[in-house]
Amino acid sequence: MPEGQEEDSYIDLPIWATRYPRWGIVHGRHHIPTVGTLMHRKGWLSARVQVRFLAVGQTRWQTFTTDWITMAEIITAPTLAEARTLISLCLTDARA
């Protein structure tokens, strides 16, 4: 993975949100080589994660909502094929 893209990946929770979790939003960005870029946000108490996905070579963001467990599986997928498959399944569910 090129250095610049690896440094662009992050997960962030503002420090003030630890005192006021009801208003805290966890957000992040993850670049998956040859697949695309995921930007996500999740309310501290919410069970759902809102995700925007930009495929490599595309100019239009696609959106879907999923649970945090699936999002964690996408981020930590051991292979690019598994990450691509999980994203495709989430996008298919969003269209249905």
N, C-alpha and C. Protein backbone atom coordinates (compact mmCIF):
# COMPACT_ATOMS: atom_id res chain seq x y z
N MET A 1 0.86 -1.17 0.00
CA MET A 1 0.00 0.00 0.00
C MET A 1 0.90 1.23 0.00
N PRO A 2 0.67 2.18 -0.90
CA PRO A 2 1.47 3.40 -0.88
C PRO A 2 1.33 4.13 0.45
N GLU A 3 2.42 4.75 0.88
CA GLU A 3 2.43 5.40 2.20
C GLU A 3 1.33 6.41 2.40
N GLY A 4 1.07 7.27 1.42
CA GLY A 4 0.07 8.32 1.58
C GLY A 4 -1.31 7.77 1.86
N GLN A 5 -1.66 6.67 1.19
CA GLN A 5 -2.99 6.10 1.39
C GLN A 5 -3.11 5.45 2.76
N GLU A 6 -2.06 4.82 3.23
CA GLU A 6 -2.10 4.19 4.55
C GLU A 6 -2.28 5.24 5.64
N GLU A 7 -1.63 6.39 5.48
CA GLU A 7 -1.75 7.44 6.48
C GLU A 7 -3.12 8.10 6.45
N ASP A 8 -3.85 7.96 5.35
CA ASP A 8 -5.18 8.55 5.25
C ASP A 8 -6.24 7.75 6.00
N SER A 9 -5.92 6.55 6.45
CA SER A 9 -6.88 5.73 7.16
C SER A 9 -6.86 6.08 8.65
N TYR A 10 -8.04 6.25 9.23
CA TYR A 10 -8.11 6.59 10.65
C TYR A 10 -9.49 6.26 11.22
N ILE A 11 -9.58 6.16 12.52
CA ILE A 11 -10.83 6.10 13.27
C ILE A 11 -10.69 7.15 14.36
N ASP A 12 -11.72 7.99 14.54
CA ASP A 12 -11.60 9.10 15.46
C ASP A 12 -12.86 9.22 16.32
N LEU A 13 -12.65 9.47 17.60
CA LEU A 13 -13.71 9.83 18.53
C LEU A 13 -13.22 11.06 19.27
N PRO A 14 -13.90 12.19 19.11
CA PRO A 14 -13.45 13.40 19.80
C PRO A 14 -13.34 13.16 21.31
N ILE A 15 -12.31 13.73 21.93
CA ILE A 15 -12.06 13.51 23.36
C ILE A 15 -13.23 13.96 24.23
N TRP A 16 -13.93 15.02 23.83
CA TRP A 16 -15.06 15.50 24.62
C TRP A 16 -16.19 14.48 24.63
N ALA A 17 -16.24 13.60 23.61
CA ALA A 17 -17.33 12.63 23.51
C ALA A 17 -17.25 11.56 24.59
N THR A 18 -16.10 11.40 25.23
CA THR A 18 -16.03 10.42 26.31
C THR A 18 -16.81 10.90 27.53
N ARG A 19 -16.97 12.23 27.66
CA ARG A 19 -17.78 12.78 28.76
C ARG A 19 -19.25 12.88 28.41
N TYR A 20 -19.53 13.06 27.12
CA TYR A 20 -20.91 13.23 26.64
C TYR A 20 -21.18 12.22 25.52
N PRO A 21 -21.22 10.94 25.83
CA PRO A 21 -21.31 9.92 24.78
C PRO A 21 -22.59 10.00 23.95
N ARG A 22 -23.64 10.57 24.50
CA ARG A 22 -24.89 10.63 23.74
C ARG A 22 -24.73 11.43 22.46
N TRP A 23 -23.84 12.44 22.47
CA TRP A 23 -23.65 13.28 21.29
C TRP A 23 -22.38 12.93 20.51
N GLY A 24 -21.64 11.97 20.99
CA GLY A 24 -20.38 11.61 20.34
C GLY A 24 -20.60 10.82 19.06
N ILE A 25 -19.79 11.11 18.07
CA ILE A 25 -19.83 10.41 16.78
C ILE A 25 -18.45 9.82 16.51
N VAL A 26 -18.40 8.51 16.30
CA VAL A 26 -17.17 7.86 15.88
C VAL A 26 -17.16 7.93 14.36
N HIS A 27 -16.07 8.44 13.79
CA HIS A 27 -16.00 8.51 12.33
C HIS A 27 -14.62 8.08 11.88
N GLY A 28 -14.55 7.67 10.63
CA GLY A 28 -13.26 7.22 10.12
C GLY A 28 -13.23 7.13 8.62
N ARG A 29 -12.04 6.86 8.13
CA ARG A 29 -11.80 6.71 6.69
C ARG A 29 -10.82 5.55 6.53
N HIS A 30 -11.10 4.70 5.56
CA HIS A 30 -10.24 3.54 5.31
C HIS A 30 -10.08 3.35 3.82
N HIS A 31 -8.83 3.29 3.38
CA HIS A 31 -8.55 3.04 1.97
C HIS A 31 -8.19 1.57 1.81
N ILE A 32 -8.87 0.90 0.89
CA ILE A 32 -8.58 -0.50 0.59
C ILE A 32 -8.01 -0.52 -0.82
N PRO A 33 -6.75 -0.89 -0.99
CA PRO A 33 -6.11 -0.86 -2.31
C PRO A 33 -6.90 -1.65 -3.35
N THR A 34 -6.99 -1.12 -4.52
CA THR A 34 -7.68 -1.69 -5.69
C THR A 34 -9.19 -1.85 -5.50
N VAL A 35 -9.71 -1.50 -4.34
CA VAL A 35 -11.15 -1.62 -4.09
C VAL A 35 -11.77 -0.22 -3.99
N GLY A 36 -11.29 0.60 -3.06
CA GLY A 36 -11.82 1.95 -2.92
C GLY A 36 -11.63 2.50 -1.52
N THR A 37 -12.37 3.56 -1.23
CA THR A 37 -12.27 4.26 0.05
C THR A 37 -13.62 4.24 0.76
N LEU A 38 -13.59 3.91 2.03
CA LEU A 38 -14.79 3.91 2.88
C LEU A 38 -14.70 5.07 3.86
N MET A 39 -15.77 5.82 3.99
CA MET A 39 -15.87 6.84 5.04
C MET A 39 -17.09 6.46 5.87
N HIS A 40 -16.94 6.38 7.18
CA HIS A 40 -18.05 5.92 8.01
C HIS A 40 -18.24 6.83 9.21
N ARG A 41 -19.45 6.82 9.74
CA ARG A 41 -19.78 7.54 10.97
C ARG A 41 -20.84 6.76 11.73
N LYS A 42 -20.68 6.74 13.06
CA LYS A 42 -21.58 5.99 13.92
C LYS A 42 -21.80 6.77 15.20
N GLY A 43 -23.03 7.01 15.53
CA GLY A 43 -23.34 7.61 16.82
C GLY A 43 -22.92 6.68 17.93
N TRP A 44 -22.45 7.25 19.03
CA TRP A 44 -21.93 6.46 20.15
C TRP A 44 -22.93 5.41 20.61
N LEU A 45 -24.19 5.76 20.72
CA LEU A 45 -25.21 4.84 21.21
C LEU A 45 -25.98 4.14 20.09
N SER A 46 -25.66 4.43 18.86
CA SER A 46 -26.37 3.86 17.72
C SER A 46 -25.86 2.45 17.41
N ALA A 47 -26.76 1.60 16.92
CA ALA A 47 -26.37 0.25 16.52
C ALA A 47 -25.97 0.21 15.05
N ARG A 48 -26.25 1.26 14.30
CA ARG A 48 -26.00 1.29 12.86
C ARG A 48 -24.85 2.22 12.50
N VAL A 49 -24.20 1.91 11.39
CA VAL A 49 -23.10 2.72 10.87
C VAL A 49 -23.49 3.21 9.48
N GLN A 50 -23.38 4.51 9.25
CA GLN A 50 -23.62 5.07 7.92
C GLN A 50 -22.28 5.09 7.19
N VAL A 51 -22.28 4.55 5.96
CA VAL A 51 -21.04 4.40 5.21
C VAL A 51 -21.18 5.02 3.82
N ARG A 52 -20.13 5.73 3.39
CA ARG A 52 -20.02 6.20 2.00
C ARG A 52 -18.84 5.47 1.39
N PHE A 53 -19.02 4.96 0.17
CA PHE A 53 -17.99 4.17 -0.50
C PHE A 53 -17.70 4.76 -1.86
N LEU A 54 -16.42 4.99 -2.14
CA LEU A 54 -15.98 5.48 -3.44
C LEU A 54 -15.07 4.42 -4.05
N ALA A 55 -15.58 3.75 -5.09
CA ALA A 55 -14.79 2.71 -5.74
C ALA A 55 -13.63 3.33 -6.51
N VAL A 56 -12.56 2.58 -6.67
CA VAL A 56 -11.39 3.04 -7.42
C VAL A 56 -11.83 3.35 -8.85
N GLY A 57 -11.45 4.52 -9.35
CA GLY A 57 -11.76 4.91 -10.71
C GLY A 57 -13.14 5.52 -10.90
N GLN A 58 -13.92 5.64 -9.82
CA GLN A 58 -15.25 6.22 -9.89
C GLN A 58 -15.23 7.64 -9.33
N THR A 59 -16.26 8.42 -9.67
CA THR A 59 -16.37 9.78 -9.14
C THR A 59 -17.60 9.95 -8.27
N ARG A 60 -18.48 8.95 -8.23
CA ARG A 60 -19.73 9.04 -7.47
C ARG A 60 -19.66 8.17 -6.21
N TRP A 61 -19.96 8.78 -5.06
CA TRP A 61 -20.01 8.04 -3.80
C TRP A 61 -21.28 7.22 -3.74
N GLN A 62 -21.19 6.01 -3.20
CA GLN A 62 -22.35 5.16 -2.95
C GLN A 62 -22.52 5.08 -1.44
N THR A 63 -23.76 5.00 -0.98
CA THR A 63 -24.01 4.97 0.47
C THR A 63 -24.74 3.70 0.87
N PHE A 64 -24.47 3.26 2.08
CA PHE A 64 -25.21 2.15 2.67
C PHE A 64 -25.12 2.25 4.19
N THR A 65 -25.99 1.52 4.85
CA THR A 65 -26.00 1.46 6.31
C THR A 65 -25.81 0.00 6.70
N THR A 66 -24.99 -0.22 7.71
CA THR A 66 -24.73 -1.58 8.15
C THR A 66 -24.53 -1.58 9.67
N ASP A 67 -24.25 -2.73 10.24
CA ASP A 67 -23.96 -2.79 11.67
C ASP A 67 -22.45 -2.70 11.88
N TRP A 68 -22.06 -2.43 13.12
CA TRP A 68 -20.65 -2.21 13.41
C TRP A 68 -19.82 -3.47 13.21
N ILE A 69 -20.39 -4.63 13.46
CA ILE A 69 -19.65 -5.89 13.30
C ILE A 69 -19.24 -6.09 11.84
N THR A 70 -20.17 -5.84 10.93
CA THR A 70 -19.86 -5.97 9.50
C THR A 70 -18.82 -4.95 9.09
N MET A 71 -18.93 -3.73 9.60
CA MET A 71 -17.95 -2.70 9.26
C MET A 71 -16.55 -3.11 9.74
N ALA A 72 -16.47 -3.65 10.94
CA ALA A 72 -15.18 -4.11 11.46
C ALA A 72 -14.63 -5.25 10.61
N GLU A 73 -15.50 -6.13 10.11
CA GLU A 73 -15.06 -7.23 9.25
C GLU A 73 -14.51 -6.69 7.93
N ILE A 74 -15.14 -5.64 7.38
CA ILE A 74 -14.64 -5.04 6.14
C ILE A 74 -13.25 -4.44 6.38
N ILE A 75 -13.10 -3.70 7.47
CA ILE A 75 -11.83 -3.02 7.75
C ILE A 75 -10.71 -4.02 7.99
N THR A 76 -11.01 -5.12 8.66
CA THR A 76 -9.97 -6.09 9.04
C THR A 76 -9.93 -7.32 8.13
N ALA A 77 -10.60 -7.28 6.99
CA ALA A 77 -10.63 -8.43 6.09
C ALA A 77 -9.21 -8.86 5.72
N PRO A 78 -8.93 -10.16 5.81
CA PRO A 78 -7.56 -10.62 5.53
C PRO A 78 -7.19 -10.55 4.04
N THR A 79 -8.18 -10.57 3.16
CA THR A 79 -7.89 -10.50 1.73
C THR A 79 -8.72 -9.40 1.08
N LEU A 80 -8.22 -8.89 -0.03
CA LEU A 80 -8.96 -7.88 -0.78
C LEU A 80 -10.28 -8.44 -1.31
N ALA A 81 -10.26 -9.72 -1.70
CA ALA A 81 -11.48 -10.35 -2.23
C ALA A 81 -12.58 -10.38 -1.17
N GLU A 82 -12.21 -10.67 0.07
CA GLU A 82 -13.21 -10.71 1.14
C GLU A 82 -13.77 -9.32 1.41
N ALA A 83 -12.91 -8.30 1.43
CA ALA A 83 -13.38 -6.92 1.64
C ALA A 83 -14.32 -6.51 0.51
N ARG A 84 -13.93 -6.82 -0.74
CA ARG A 84 -14.76 -6.48 -1.90
C ARG A 84 -16.12 -7.17 -1.83
N THR A 85 -16.13 -8.43 -1.42
CA THR A 85 -17.39 -9.19 -1.32
C THR A 85 -18.29 -8.60 -0.25
N LEU A 86 -17.75 -8.28 0.91
CA LEU A 86 -18.56 -7.70 1.99
C LEU A 86 -19.15 -6.35 1.58
N ILE A 87 -18.34 -5.51 0.91
CA ILE A 87 -18.85 -4.21 0.44
C ILE A 87 -19.95 -4.43 -0.60
N SER A 88 -19.75 -5.36 -1.51
CA SER A 88 -20.78 -5.64 -2.53
C SER A 88 -22.08 -6.11 -1.90
N LEU A 89 -21.99 -6.95 -0.88
CA LEU A 89 -23.22 -7.42 -0.20
C LEU A 89 -23.94 -6.27 0.50
N CYS A 90 -23.18 -5.38 1.12
CA CYS A 90 -23.80 -4.22 1.78
C CYS A 90 -24.47 -3.30 0.76
N LEU A 91 -23.80 -3.08 -0.37
CA LEU A 91 -24.39 -2.22 -1.41
C LEU A 91 -25.63 -2.86 -2.01
N THR A 92 -25.62 -4.18 -2.17
CA THR A 92 -26.79 -4.89 -2.69
C THR A 92 -27.97 -4.76 -1.73
N ASP A 93 -27.71 -4.90 -0.43
CA ASP A 93 -28.77 -4.75 0.57
C ASP A 93 -29.33 -3.35 0.56
N ALA A 94 -28.49 -2.35 0.31
CA ALA A 94 -28.95 -0.95 0.31
C ALA A 94 -29.87 -0.67 -0.86
N ARG A 95 -29.69 -1.38 -1.96
CA ARG A 95 -30.54 -1.17 -3.14
C ARG A 95 -31.87 -1.90 -3.05
N ALA A 96 -31.91 -2.92 -2.23
CA ALA A 96 -33.14 -3.74 -2.13
C ALA A 96 -34.22 -3.06 -1.34
